[in-house]
PDB file of N, CA and C in Angstrom:
ATOM      1  N   UNK A   1      67.135 255.473  53.137  1.00  0.00           N
ATOM      2  CA  UNK A   1      66.371 255.503  51.797  1.00  0.00           C
ATOM      3  C   UNK A   1      66.353 254.405  51.011  1.00  0.00           C
ATOM      4  N   UNK A   2      67.013 253.480  51.367  1.00  0.00           N
ATOM      5  CA  UNK A   2      67.101 252.221  50.423  1.00  0.00           C
ATOM      6  C   UNK A   2      66.004 251.089  50.881  1.00  0.00           C
ATOM      7  N   UNK A   3      65.700 251.166  52.053  1.00  0.00           N
ATOM      8  CA  UNK A   3      64.738 250.096  52.701  1.00  0.00           C
ATOM      9  C   UNK A   3      63.544 250.323  53.009  1.00  0.00           C
ATOM     10  N   UNK A   4      62.955 251.651  52.700  1.00  0.00           N
ATOM     11  CA  UNK A   4      61.716 252.172  53.238  1.00  0.00           C
ATOM     12  C   UNK A   4      60.626 251.335  52.514  1.00  0.00           C
ATOM     13  N   UNK A   5      60.573 250.858  51.370  1.00  0.00           N
ATOM     14  CA  UNK A   5      59.411 249.956  50.758  1.00  0.00           C
ATOM     15  C   UNK A   5      59.440 248.678  51.461  1.00  0.00           C
ATOM     16  N   UNK A   6      60.634 248.071  51.681  1.00  0.00           N
ATOM     17  CA  UNK A   6      60.687 246.771  52.314  1.00  0.00           C
ATOM     18  C   UNK A   6      60.201 246.892  53.915  1.00  0.00           C
ATOM     19  N   UNK A   7      60.518 247.961  54.683  1.00  0.00           N
ATOM     20  CA  UNK A   7      60.049 248.230  55.775  1.00  0.00           C
ATOM     21  C   UNK A   7      58.539 248.474  55.863  1.00  0.00           C
ATOM     22  N   UNK A   8      57.937 249.031  54.887  1.00  0.00           N
ATOM     23  CA  UNK A   8      56.711 249.213  54.731  1.00  0.00           C
ATOM     24  C   UNK A   8      55.767 247.932  54.506  1.00  0.00           C
ATOM     25  N   UNK A   9      56.417 247.148  53.602  1.00  0.00           N
ATOM     26  CA  UNK A   9      55.830 245.870  53.297  1.00  0.00           C
ATOM     27  C   UNK A   9      55.889 244.889  54.645  1.00  0.00           C
ATOM     28  N   UNK A  10      56.872 244.984  55.242  1.00  0.00           N
ATOM     29  CA  UNK A  10      56.981 244.119  56.439  1.00  0.00           C
ATOM     30  C   UNK A  10      55.767 244.602  57.522  1.00  0.00           C
ATOM     31  N   UNK A  11      55.675 245.865  57.627  1.00  0.00           N
ATOM     32  CA  UNK A  11      54.721 246.353  58.680  1.00  0.00           C
ATOM     33  C   UNK A  11      53.174 246.088  58.042  1.00  0.00           C
ATOM     34  N   UNK A  12      52.978 246.204  56.853  1.00  0.00           N
ATOM     35  CA  UNK A  12      51.628 245.942  56.288  1.00  0.00           C
ATOM     36  C   UNK A  12      51.365 244.309  56.465  1.00  0.00           C
ATOM     37  N   UNK A  13      52.298 243.566  56.323  1.00  0.00           N
ATOM     38  CA  UNK A  13      52.079 242.210  56.415  1.00  0.00           C
ATOM     39  C   UNK A  13      52.059 241.691  57.877  1.00  0.00           C
ATOM     40  N   UNK A  14      52.683 242.321  58.878  1.00  0.00           N
ATOM     41  CA  UNK A  14      52.590 242.063  60.242  1.00  0.00           C
ATOM     42  C   UNK A  14      51.198 242.491  60.773  1.00  0.00           C
ATOM     43  N   UNK A  15      50.815 243.687  60.269  1.00  0.00           N
ATOM     44  CA  UNK A  15      49.399 244.187  60.734  1.00  0.00           C
ATOM     45  C   UNK A  15      48.255 243.333  60.318  1.00  0.00           C
ATOM     46  N   UNK A  16      48.463 242.822  59.023  1.00  0.00           N
ATOM     47  CA  UNK A  16      47.082 242.200  58.444  1.00  0.00           C
ATOM     48  C   UNK A  16      47.433 240.824  58.090  1.00  0.00           C
ATOM     49  N   UNK A  17      48.519 240.483  57.515  1.00  0.00           N
ATOM     50  CA  UNK A  17      49.013 239.090  57.163  1.00  0.00           C
ATOM     51  C   UNK A  17      48.082 238.562  56.164  1.00  0.00           C
ATOM     52  N   UNK A  18      47.388 239.414  55.427  1.00  0.00           N
ATOM     53  CA  UNK A  18      46.401 238.887  54.356  1.00  0.00           C
ATOM     54  C   UNK A  18      46.682 239.421  53.075  1.00  0.00           C
ATOM     55  N   UNK A  19      47.163 240.811  53.001  1.00  0.00           N
ATOM     56  CA  UNK A  19      47.302 241.247  51.737  1.00  0.00           C
ATOM     57  C   UNK A  19      48.554 240.597  50.909  1.00  0.00           C
ATOM     58  N   UNK A  20      48.555 240.527  49.517  1.00  0.00           N
ATOM     59  CA  UNK A  20      49.575 240.029  48.859  1.00  0.00           C
ATOM     60  C   UNK A  20      50.500 241.325  48.647  1.00  0.00           C
ATOM     61  N   UNK A  21      51.801 240.986  48.841  1.00  0.00           N
ATOM     62  CA  UNK A  21      52.749 242.168  48.735  1.00  0.00           C
ATOM     63  C   UNK A  21      53.856 241.883  47.682  1.00  0.00           C
ATOM     64  N   UNK A  22      54.017 242.652  46.647  1.00  0.00           N
ATOM     65  CA  UNK A  22      55.151 242.322  45.738  1.00  0.00           C
ATOM     66  C   UNK A  22      56.011 243.644  45.798  1.00  0.00           C
ATOM     67  N   UNK A  23      57.221 243.561  46.456  1.00  0.00           N
ATOM     68  CA  UNK A  23      58.309 244.548  46.512  1.00  0.00           C
ATOM     69  C   UNK A  23      59.031 244.544  45.249  1.00  0.00           C
ATOM     70  N   UNK A  24      59.199 245.602  44.586  1.00  0.00           N
ATOM     71  CA  UNK A  24      59.994 245.899  43.345  1.00  0.00           C
ATOM     72  C   UNK A  24      61.082 246.979  43.736  1.00  0.00           C
ATOM     73  N   UNK A  25      62.317 246.407  43.828  1.00  0.00           N
ATOM     74  CA  UNK A  25      63.356 247.412  44.465  1.00  0.00           C
ATOM     75  C   UNK A  25      64.598 247.510  43.466  1.00  0.00           C
ATOM     76  N   UNK A  26      65.243 248.665  43.580  1.00  0.00           N
ATOM     77  CA  UNK A  26      66.631 248.778  42.946  1.00  0.00           C
ATOM     78  C   UNK A  26      67.522 248.342  43.948  1.00  0.00           C
ATOM     79  N   UNK A  27      67.453 248.171  45.023  1.00  0.00           N
ATOM     80  CA  UNK A  27      68.430 247.764  46.145  1.00  0.00           C
ATOM     81  C   UNK A  27      68.271 246.357  46.581  1.00  0.00           C
ATOM     82  N   UNK A  28      69.356 245.751  46.921  1.00  0.00           N
ATOM     83  CA  UNK A  28      69.364 244.473  47.663  1.00  0.00           C
ATOM     84  C   UNK A  28      69.398 244.653  49.095  1.00  0.00           C
ATOM     85  N   UNK A  29      68.460 244.356  49.670  1.00  0.00           N
ATOM     86  CA  UNK A  29      68.281 244.364  51.147  1.00  0.00           C
ATOM     87  C   UNK A  29      68.073 242.991  51.769  1.00  0.00           C
ATOM     88  N   UNK A  30      69.023 242.231  51.756  1.00  0.00           N
ATOM     89  CA  UNK A  30      68.818 240.733  52.113  1.00  0.00           C
ATOM     90  C   UNK A  30      68.216 240.341  53.451  1.00  0.00           C
ATOM     91  N   UNK A  31      68.412 241.311  54.447  1.00  0.00           N
ATOM     92  CA  UNK A  31      67.710 240.994  55.890  1.00  0.00           C
ATOM     93  C   UNK A  31      66.372 241.141  55.945  1.00  0.00           C
ATOM     94  N   UNK A  32      65.795 242.285  55.406  1.00  0.00           N
ATOM     95  CA  UNK A  32      64.489 242.706  55.309  1.00  0.00           C
ATOM     96  C   UNK A  32      63.725 241.746  54.262  1.00  0.00           C
ATOM     97  N   UNK A  33      64.291 241.367  53.088  1.00  0.00           N
ATOM     98  CA  UNK A  33      63.771 240.468  52.130  1.00  0.00           C
ATOM     99  C   UNK A  33      63.472 239.125  52.815  1.00  0.00           C
ATOM    100  N   UNK A  34      64.587 238.642  53.404  1.00  0.00           N
ATOM    101  CA  UNK A  34      64.459 237.129  54.188  1.00  0.00           C
ATOM    102  C   UNK A  34      63.196 237.274  55.070  1.00  0.00           C
ATOM    103  N   UNK A  35      63.136 238.372  56.053  1.00  0.00           N
ATOM    104  CA  UNK A  35      62.056 238.449  56.841  1.00  0.00           C
ATOM    105  C   UNK A  35      60.684 238.502  56.100  1.00  0.00           C
ATOM    106  N   UNK A  36      60.546 239.245  55.208  1.00  0.00           N
ATOM    107  CA  UNK A  36      59.306 239.390  54.296  1.00  0.00           C
ATOM    108  C   UNK A  36      59.003 237.862  53.791  1.00  0.00           C
ATOM    109  N   UNK A  37      59.971 237.379  53.107  1.00  0.00           N
ATOM    110  CA  UNK A  37      59.653 236.092  52.345  1.00  0.00           C
ATOM    111  C   UNK A  37      59.260 234.941  53.253  1.00  0.00           C
ATOM    112  N   UNK A  38      59.890 235.112  54.618  1.00  0.00           N
ATOM    113  CA  UNK A  38      59.776 233.932  55.488  1.00  0.00           C
ATOM    114  C   UNK A  38      58.231 234.029  56.153  1.00  0.00           C
ATOM    115  N   UNK A  39      57.504 235.181  56.143  1.00  0.00           N
ATOM    116  CA  UNK A  39      56.360 235.308  56.739  1.00  0.00           C
ATOM    117  C   UNK A  39      55.285 234.307  56.342  1.00  0.00           C
ATOM    118  N   UNK A  40      54.485 233.860  57.217  1.00  0.00           N
ATOM    119  CA  UNK A  40      53.496 232.754  56.822  1.00  0.00           C
ATOM    120  C   UNK A  40      52.451 233.274  56.048  1.00  0.00           C
ATOM    121  N   UNK A  41      51.731 232.371  55.199  1.00  0.00           N
ATOM    122  CA  UNK A  41      50.623 232.817  54.522  1.00  0.00           C
ATOM    123  C   UNK A  41      50.917 233.039  52.971  1.00  0.00           C
ATOM    124  N   UNK A  42      52.224 233.079  52.654  1.00  0.00           N
ATOM    125  CA  UNK A  42      52.403 233.271  51.204  1.00  0.00           C
ATOM    126  C   UNK A  42      51.973 234.594  50.634  1.00  0.00           C
ATOM    127  N   UNK A  43      51.831 234.681  49.399  1.00  0.00           N
ATOM    128  CA  UNK A  43      51.540 235.926  48.699  1.00  0.00           C
ATOM    129  C   UNK A  43      52.476 236.982  48.891  1.00  0.00           C
ATOM    130  N   UNK A  44      53.832 236.761  48.788  1.00  0.00           N
ATOM    131  CA  UNK A  44      54.824 237.813  48.879  1.00  0.00           C
ATOM    132  C   UNK A  44      55.929 237.484  47.894  1.00  0.00           C
ATOM    133  N   UNK A  45      56.429 238.676  47.403  1.00  0.00           N
ATOM    134  CA  UNK A  45      57.608 238.579  46.453  1.00  0.00           C
ATOM    135  C   UNK A  45      58.583 239.836  46.519  1.00  0.00           C
ATOM    136  N   UNK A  46      59.592 239.521  46.039  1.00  0.00           N
ATOM    137  CA  UNK A  46      60.661 240.568  46.098  1.00  0.00           C
ATOM    138  C   UNK A  46      61.576 240.552  44.830  1.00  0.00           C
ATOM    139  N   UNK A  47      61.363 241.499  43.879  1.00  0.00           N
ATOM    140  CA  UNK A  47      62.110 241.526  42.589  1.00  0.00           C
ATOM    141  C   UNK A  47      62.931 242.681  42.697  1.00  0.00           C
ATOM    142  N   UNK A  48      64.169 242.469  42.007  1.00  0.00           N
ATOM    143  CA  UNK A  48      64.981 243.518  41.699  1.00  0.00           C
ATOM    144  C   UNK A  48      64.663 244.168  40.459  1.00  0.00           C
ATOM    145  N   UNK A  49      64.509 245.421  40.309  1.00  0.00           N
ATOM    146  CA  UNK A  49      64.230 246.104  38.953  1.00  0.00           C
ATOM    147  C   UNK A  49      65.002 245.742  37.910  1.00  0.00           C
ATOM    148  N   UNK A  50      66.316 245.570  37.988  1.00  0.00           N
ATOM    149  CA  UNK A  50      67.355 245.154  37.032  1.00  0.00           C
ATOM    150  C   UNK A  50      67.002 243.716  36.477  1.00  0.00           C
ATOM    151  N   UNK A  51      66.321 242.916  37.163  1.00  0.00           N
ATOM    152  CA  UNK A  51      66.155 241.643  36.950  1.00  0.00           C
ATOM    153  C   UNK A  51      64.789 241.271  36.269  1.00  0.00           C
ATOM    154  N   UNK A  52      63.935 242.378  35.961  1.00  0.00           N
ATOM    155  CA  UNK A  52      62.611 242.279  35.366  1.00  0.00           C
ATOM    156  C   UNK A  52      62.937 242.663  33.873  1.00  0.00           C
ATOM    157  N   UNK A  53      62.759 241.639  33.082  1.00  0.00           N
ATOM    158  CA  UNK A  53      63.164 241.713  31.607  1.00  0.00           C
ATOM    159  C   UNK A  53      62.038 242.137  30.779  1.00  0.00           C
ATOM    160  N   UNK A  54      60.845 241.996  31.248  1.00  0.00           N
ATOM    161  CA  UNK A  54      59.603 242.399  30.128  1.00  0.00           C
ATOM    162  C   UNK A  54      58.498 242.678  31.125  1.00  0.00           C
ATOM    163  N   UNK A  55      57.454 243.243  30.468  1.00  0.00           N
ATOM    164  CA  UNK A  55      56.125 243.585  31.162  1.00  0.00           C
ATOM    165  C   UNK A  55      55.419 242.306  31.470  1.00  0.00           C
ATOM    166  N   UNK A  56      55.587 241.234  30.534  1.00  0.00           N
ATOM    167  CA  UNK A  56      54.955 240.134  30.866  1.00  0.00           C
ATOM    168  C   UNK A  56      55.575 239.293  31.912  1.00  0.00           C
ATOM    169  N   UNK A  57      56.782 239.508  32.141  1.00  0.00           N
ATOM    170  CA  UNK A  57      57.463 238.728  33.133  1.00  0.00           C
ATOM    171  C   UNK A  57      56.927 239.447  34.564  1.00  0.00           C
ATOM    172  N   UNK A  58      56.811 240.754  34.649  1.00  0.00           N
ATOM    173  CA  UNK A  58      56.378 241.534  35.674  1.00  0.00           C
ATOM    174  C   UNK A  58      54.779 240.961  35.908  1.00  0.00           C
ATOM    175  N   UNK A  59      54.001 241.176  34.955  1.00  0.00           N
ATOM    176  CA  UNK A  59      52.670 240.647  35.069  1.00  0.00           C
ATOM    177  C   UNK A  59      52.577 239.326  35.688  1.00  0.00           C
ATOM    178  N   UNK A  60      53.456 238.330  35.208  1.00  0.00           N
ATOM    179  CA  UNK A  60      53.439 237.084  35.737  1.00  0.00           C
ATOM    180  C   UNK A  60      53.655 237.033  37.257  1.00  0.00           C
ATOM    181  N   UNK A  61      54.757 237.789  37.607  1.00  0.00           N
ATOM    182  CA  UNK A  61      54.985 237.979  39.070  1.00  0.00           C
ATOM    183  C   UNK A  61      53.918 238.420  39.974  1.00  0.00           C
ATOM    184  N   UNK A  62      53.107 239.410  39.547  1.00  0.00           N
ATOM    185  CA  UNK A  62      51.969 240.132  40.050  1.00  0.00           C
ATOM    186  C   UNK A  62      50.838 238.998  40.116  1.00  0.00           C
ATOM    187  N   UNK A  63      50.650 238.260  39.054  1.00  0.00           N
ATOM    188  CA  UNK A  63      49.434 237.172  39.243  1.00  0.00           C
ATOM    189  C   UNK A  63      49.848 236.074  40.218  1.00  0.00           C
ATOM    190  N   UNK A  64      51.254 235.558  40.265  1.00  0.00           N
ATOM    191  CA  UNK A  64      51.704 234.439  41.028  1.00  0.00           C
ATOM    192  C   UNK A  64      51.625 234.930  42.462  1.00  0.00           C
ATOM    193  N   UNK A  65      52.060 236.190  42.792  1.00  0.00           N
ATOM    194  CA  UNK A  65      52.046 236.600  44.178  1.00  0.00           C
ATOM    195  C   UNK A  65      50.590 236.816  44.620  1.00  0.00           C
ATOM    196  N   UNK A  66      49.705 237.331  43.805  1.00  0.00           N
ATOM    197  CA  UNK A  66      48.404 237.441  44.235  1.00  0.00           C
ATOM    198  C   UNK A  66      47.744 236.115  44.422  1.00  0.00           C
ATOM    199  N   UNK A  67      48.090 235.040  43.610  1.00  0.00           N
ATOM    200  CA  UNK A  67      47.663 233.802  44.036  1.00  0.00           C
ATOM    201  C   UNK A  67      48.154 233.042  45.136  1.00  0.00           C
ATOM    202  N   UNK A  68      49.057 233.761  45.992  1.00  0.00           N
ATOM    203  CA  UNK A  68      49.699 233.067  47.196  1.00  0.00           C
ATOM    204  C   UNK A  68      51.001 232.619  47.091  1.00  0.00           C
ATOM    205  N   UNK A  69      51.694 232.768  46.059  1.00  0.00           N
ATOM    206  CA  UNK A  69      53.094 232.144  45.826  1.00  0.00           C
ATOM    207  C   UNK A  69      54.047 233.154  46.612  1.00  0.00           C
ATOM    208  N   UNK A  70      55.078 232.469  46.784  1.00  0.00           N
ATOM    209  CA  UNK A  70      56.289 233.268  47.561  1.00  0.00           C
ATOM    210  C   UNK A  70      57.369 233.311  46.326  1.00  0.00           C
ATOM    211  N   UNK A  71      57.618 234.554  46.018  1.00  0.00           N
ATOM    212  CA  UNK A  71      58.576 234.768  44.701  1.00  0.00           C
ATOM    213  C   UNK A  71      59.788 235.632  45.174  1.00  0.00           C
ATOM    214  N   UNK A  72      60.931 234.896  45.457  1.00  0.00           N
ATOM    215  CA  UNK A  72      62.183 235.677  45.630  1.00  0.00           C
ATOM    216  C   UNK A  72      62.805 235.989  44.387  1.00  0.00           C
ATOM    217  N   UNK A  73      63.398 237.153  44.378  1.00  0.00           N
ATOM    218  CA  UNK A  73      64.221 237.509  43.110  1.00  0.00           C
ATOM    219  C   UNK A  73      65.439 236.718  43.280  1.00  0.00           C
ATOM    220  N   UNK A  74      65.917 236.037  41.986  1.00  0.00           N
ATOM    221  CA  UNK A  74      67.017 235.143  42.070  1.00  0.00           C
ATOM    222  C   UNK A  74      68.360 236.059  42.100  1.00  0.00           C
ATOM    223  N   UNK A  75      69.411 235.625  42.760  1.00  0.00           N
ATOM    224  CA  UNK A  75      69.426 234.318  43.340  1.00  0.00           C
ATOM    225  C   UNK A  75      68.785 234.155  44.689  1.00  0.00           C
ATOM    226  N   UNK A  76      68.442 233.085  45.133  1.00  0.00           N
ATOM    227  CA  UNK A  76      67.916 233.092  46.445  1.00  0.00           C
ATOM    228  C   UNK A  76      68.887 233.579  47.558  1.00  0.00           C
ATOM    229  N   UNK A  77      68.349 234.158  48.509  1.00  0.00           N
ATOM    230  CA  UNK A  77      68.940 234.835  49.605  1.00  0.00           C
ATOM    231  C   UNK A  77      69.792 233.927  50.328  1.00  0.00           C
ATOM    232  N   UNK A  78      71.175 234.410  50.529  1.00  0.00           N
ATOM    233  CA  UNK A  78      72.112 233.336  51.339  1.00  0.00           C
ATOM    234  C   UNK A  78      72.168 233.759  52.704  1.00  0.00           C
TER     235      UNK A  78
END
């Protein structure tokens, strides 16, 4: 029950590769997150809920991912 959203995002991107996907999660799932962030085409992001400090920060992430950026939640996955 901790990686359902990430698995859905991966399936969506594998099927279409075009929609932007921003995953906001409470759980750290490095393997799935790395797979998602490494997909070609950009427009993907992974944020940890406890690292989103404000509505403005979240809105900025949505805009950036929608514009095609890759936005990993810090720290970068090792």
